[in-house]
Amino acid sequence: MDRVQSQLTLIYVIVFVNGAALMGFEILGSRVLAPSFGNSVFVWGSLIGVFMAGMALGYFFGGWLGDRWPSRFLFSLLLGLPGLLLLVFPYYSFPLTELLADYDLGPRAGPFLASLCLFLVPSIFIGAVSPYAFVLAVRDLRSAGRSVGALYAISTVGSIVGTLGTSFYLILWAGTRSSIQLTGCLLIAAALAALFLRPRESVR
């Protein structure tokens, strides 16, 4: 029982960190787009819309993947790939937004295309983490509802912490570029922690 509980605790911590990284990255996304496209409602609408689309695709992908291959290594990969992407993100995101701004696609199409190019893929991977974590966490179908409720509650609390922490402290302390890379490091740390999970027992 202690081993099971420790594994669940580790999954909860990983989901919390993932939720914080997701919303922290979304807040930072506005700072990436602002120099080229401003801070208009079109920028925020594009950013939020693309993140929600990525999360929706990620939820589906994570559940599908978890049903077929429930593995700590794949779980780690879902966390590690966007983490690595965020480490190099500042090097290509700012030049890309400047390039798209130079094409002058308009106040709607410009920020939407930039958001699509920059944020869709990372948000898909980050969105896939919670449903995949549920597959690893559930041990008894009779408590499946409680398990998924707890996971998404913890993820949402992480998102709140990520939103406030990034907005109020991290950007002011580290700046946009370093904050993005620190968020990537956080996901990589979660990916390494996921490797300590034990194989899932059969669901009854």
Protein backbone atom coordinates (compact mmCIF):
# COMPACT_ATOMS: atom_id res chain seq x y z
CA MET A 1 0.00 0.00 0.00
CA ASP A 2 2.87 2.37 0.79
CA ARG A 3 4.42 1.71 -2.62
CA VAL A 4 1.12 2.39 -4.37
CA GLN A 5 0.60 5.59 -2.41
CA SER A 6 4.12 6.82 -3.13
CA GLN A 7 3.60 6.20 -6.83
CA LEU A 8 0.31 8.10 -6.79
CA THR A 9 1.98 10.98 -4.94
CA LEU A 10 4.71 11.15 -7.57
CA ILE A 11 2.11 11.18 -10.36
CA TYR A 12 0.24 13.99 -8.58
CA VAL A 13 3.44 16.04 -8.27
CA ILE A 14 4.22 15.53 -11.97
CA VAL A 15 0.69 16.55 -12.99
CA PHE A 16 0.92 19.64 -10.77
CA VAL A 17 4.23 20.67 -12.37
CA ASN A 18 2.81 20.02 -15.85
CA GLY A 19 -0.22 22.20 -15.13
CA ALA A 20 2.02 25.00 -13.86
CA ALA A 21 4.23 24.74 -16.96
CA LEU A 22 1.24 24.84 -19.29
CA MET A 23 -0.24 28.08 -18.02
CA GLY A 24 3.15 29.64 -17.36
CA PHE A 25 4.05 28.99 -21.00
CA GLU A 26 0.77 30.49 -22.17
CA ILE A 27 1.42 33.68 -20.20
CA LEU A 28 4.94 33.81 -21.62
CA GLY A 29 3.48 33.30 -25.08
CA SER A 30 1.86 36.72 -24.90
CA ARG A 31 5.30 38.20 -24.26
CA VAL A 32 6.69 36.41 -27.29
CA LEU A 33 3.96 37.78 -29.58
CA ALA A 34 3.79 41.29 -28.14
CA PRO A 35 6.94 42.81 -29.72
CA SER A 36 5.72 41.95 -33.22
CA PHE A 37 1.92 41.97 -32.90
CA GLY A 38 1.16 44.03 -29.82
CA ASN A 39 -1.11 43.02 -26.96
CA SER A 40 -4.51 43.29 -28.61
CA VAL A 41 -7.58 41.12 -28.13
CA PHE A 42 -6.65 39.38 -31.40
CA VAL A 43 -3.31 38.34 -29.93
CA TRP A 44 -4.89 36.96 -26.78
CA GLY A 45 -7.72 35.34 -28.71
CA SER A 46 -5.25 33.62 -31.03
CA LEU A 47 -3.06 32.50 -28.16
CA ILE A 48 -5.88 31.11 -26.01
CA GLY A 49 -7.60 29.48 -29.00
CA VAL A 50 -4.44 27.69 -30.14
CA PHE A 51 -3.61 26.52 -26.62
CA MET A 52 -7.15 25.18 -26.16
CA ALA A 53 -6.98 23.40 -29.53
CA GLY A 54 -3.64 21.88 -28.57
CA MET A 55 -4.96 20.76 -25.21
CA ALA A 56 -8.03 19.17 -26.81
CA LEU A 57 -5.84 17.26 -29.25
CA GLY A 58 -3.49 16.37 -26.41
CA TYR A 59 -6.28 15.03 -24.23
CA PHE A 60 -7.38 12.72 -27.03
CA PHE A 61 -3.83 11.72 -27.95
CA GLY A 62 -2.79 11.10 -24.34
CA GLY A 63 -5.82 8.91 -23.62
CA TRP A 64 -5.38 6.95 -26.84
CA LEU A 65 -1.68 6.44 -26.20
CA GLY A 66 -2.22 5.47 -22.57
CA ASP A 67 -4.78 2.81 -23.44
CA ARG A 68 -2.36 1.14 -25.83
CA TRP A 69 1.06 1.62 -24.26
CA PRO A 70 0.93 2.53 -20.56
CA SER A 71 4.62 3.01 -19.89
CA ARG A 72 6.69 5.23 -17.63
CA PHE A 73 9.11 5.75 -20.53
CA LEU A 74 6.39 7.10 -22.82
CA PHE A 75 5.08 9.22 -19.95
CA SER A 76 8.56 10.62 -19.51
CA LEU A 77 8.77 11.29 -23.25
CA LEU A 78 5.51 13.26 -23.21
CA LEU A 79 7.06 15.54 -20.59
CA GLY A 80 10.61 15.64 -21.90
CA LEU A 81 9.96 16.49 -25.55
CA PRO A 82 8.15 19.80 -24.90
CA GLY A 83 10.75 20.52 -22.20
CA LEU A 84 13.55 20.23 -24.74
CA LEU A 85 11.54 22.27 -27.22
CA LEU A 86 11.17 25.08 -24.69
CA LEU A 87 14.91 25.14 -24.10
CA VAL A 88 15.49 26.15 -27.74
CA PHE A 89 12.20 28.03 -28.14
CA PRO A 90 13.62 31.57 -27.65
CA TYR A 91 16.14 31.03 -30.44
CA TYR A 92 13.54 30.55 -33.16
CA SER A 93 10.30 32.04 -31.81
CA PHE A 94 11.31 35.71 -31.83
CA PRO A 95 12.81 35.61 -35.37
CA LEU A 96 9.70 33.77 -36.61
CA THR A 97 7.29 36.34 -35.16
CA GLU A 98 9.34 39.16 -36.71
CA LEU A 99 9.28 37.40 -40.07
CA LEU A 100 5.51 36.91 -39.98
CA ALA A 101 4.99 40.50 -38.85
CA ASP A 102 7.00 41.71 -41.86
CA TYR A 103 4.53 39.96 -44.18
CA ASP A 104 1.76 42.15 -42.67
CA LEU A 105 -0.96 39.50 -42.76
CA GLY A 106 -3.34 41.67 -40.77
CA PRO A 107 -4.22 42.07 -37.09
CA ARG A 108 -6.04 38.70 -36.97
CA ALA A 109 -4.16 36.38 -39.33
CA GLY A 110 -0.68 37.44 -38.23
CA PRO A 111 -0.89 36.56 -34.51
CA PHE A 112 -3.07 33.52 -35.24
CA LEU A 113 -0.54 32.04 -37.67
CA ALA A 114 2.33 32.82 -35.29
CA SER A 115 0.45 31.15 -32.41
CA LEU A 116 -0.30 28.13 -34.56
CA CYS A 117 3.33 27.70 -35.60
CA LEU A 118 4.80 28.25 -32.15
CA PHE A 119 2.37 26.90 -29.57
CA LEU A 120 0.25 24.13 -31.07
CA VAL A 121 2.79 21.28 -30.89
CA PRO A 122 4.06 21.99 -27.34
CA SER A 123 0.50 22.35 -26.04
CA ILE A 124 -0.48 19.00 -27.59
CA PHE A 125 2.29 17.21 -25.69
CA ILE A 126 1.62 19.06 -22.44
CA GLY A 127 -2.11 18.42 -22.79
CA ALA A 128 -1.48 14.69 -23.27
CA VAL A 129 0.13 14.34 -19.85
CA SER A 130 -2.98 14.39 -17.62
CA PRO A 131 -5.00 11.67 -19.43
CA TYR A 132 -1.88 9.52 -19.72
CA ALA A 133 -1.22 10.04 -16.01
CA PHE A 134 -4.78 8.90 -15.26
CA VAL A 135 -4.12 5.61 -17.07
CA LEU A 136 -1.03 5.08 -14.92
CA ALA A 137 -2.75 6.15 -11.71
CA VAL A 138 -6.05 4.24 -11.83
CA ARG A 139 -5.90 0.88 -10.06
CA ASP A 140 -9.53 0.08 -9.49
CA LEU A 141 -12.38 1.03 -11.82
CA ARG A 142 -14.61 1.55 -8.79
CA SER A 143 -12.50 4.56 -7.84
CA ALA A 144 -11.79 5.79 -11.37
CA GLY A 145 -13.99 8.87 -11.00
CA ARG A 146 -12.21 9.94 -7.84
CA SER A 147 -8.84 9.36 -9.48
CA VAL A 148 -9.55 11.45 -12.57
CA GLY A 149 -11.16 14.16 -10.44
CA ALA A 150 -8.10 14.35 -8.19
CA LEU A 151 -5.70 14.47 -11.13
CA TYR A 152 -7.50 17.27 -12.92
CA ALA A 153 -7.99 19.21 -9.69
CA ILE A 154 -4.27 19.01 -8.94
CA SER A 155 -3.44 19.96 -12.52
CA THR A 156 -5.74 22.98 -12.27
CA VAL A 157 -4.16 24.08 -8.98
CA GLY A 158 -0.79 23.80 -10.72
CA SER A 159 -2.13 25.96 -13.55
CA ILE A 160 -3.22 28.62 -11.06
CA VAL A 161 0.21 28.59 -9.42
CA GLY A 162 1.89 28.73 -12.84
CA THR A 163 -0.28 31.65 -13.97
CA LEU A 164 0.23 33.77 -10.87
CA GLY A 165 3.85 32.78 -10.32
CA THR A 166 4.85 33.54 -13.90
CA SER A 167 2.86 36.78 -14.12
CA PHE A 168 3.77 38.20 -10.72
CA TYR A 169 7.31 36.95 -10.14
CA LEU A 170 9.08 34.83 -12.77
CA ILE A 171 8.96 37.29 -15.69
CA LEU A 172 10.09 40.17 -13.47
CA TRP A 173 12.91 38.09 -12.00
CA ALA A 174 14.22 36.23 -15.06
CA GLY A 175 12.78 37.93 -18.15
CA THR A 176 10.83 36.24 -20.94
CA ARG A 177 13.56 34.19 -22.63
CA SER A 178 15.02 32.75 -19.44
CA SER A 179 11.53 32.11 -18.03
CA ILE A 180 10.67 29.99 -21.07
CA GLN A 181 13.84 27.98 -20.66
CA LEU A 182 13.25 27.56 -16.93
CA THR A 183 9.78 26.22 -17.74
CA GLY A 184 11.44 23.75 -20.10
CA CYS A 185 13.82 22.69 -17.32
CA LEU A 186 10.82 22.13 -15.05
CA LEU A 187 9.26 19.77 -17.60
CA ILE A 188 12.55 17.93 -18.06
CA ALA A 189 12.82 17.48 -14.28
CA ALA A 190 9.27 16.06 -14.27
CA ALA A 191 10.25 13.74 -17.15
CA LEU A 192 13.19 12.42 -15.13
CA ALA A 193 10.93 11.92 -12.10
CA ALA A 194 8.51 9.92 -14.26
CA LEU A 195 11.24 7.33 -14.87
CA PHE A 196 10.99 6.36 -11.18
CA LEU A 197 7.40 5.20 -11.60
CA ARG A 198 6.86 1.47 -11.38
CA PRO A 199 4.92 -0.54 -13.99
CA ARG A 200 1.16 -0.31 -13.54
CA GLU A 201 -0.71 -3.22 -12.02
CA SER A 202 -3.77 -4.61 -13.74
CA VAL A 203 -6.95 -2.54 -13.48
CA ARG A 204 -9.87 -4.44 -12.02
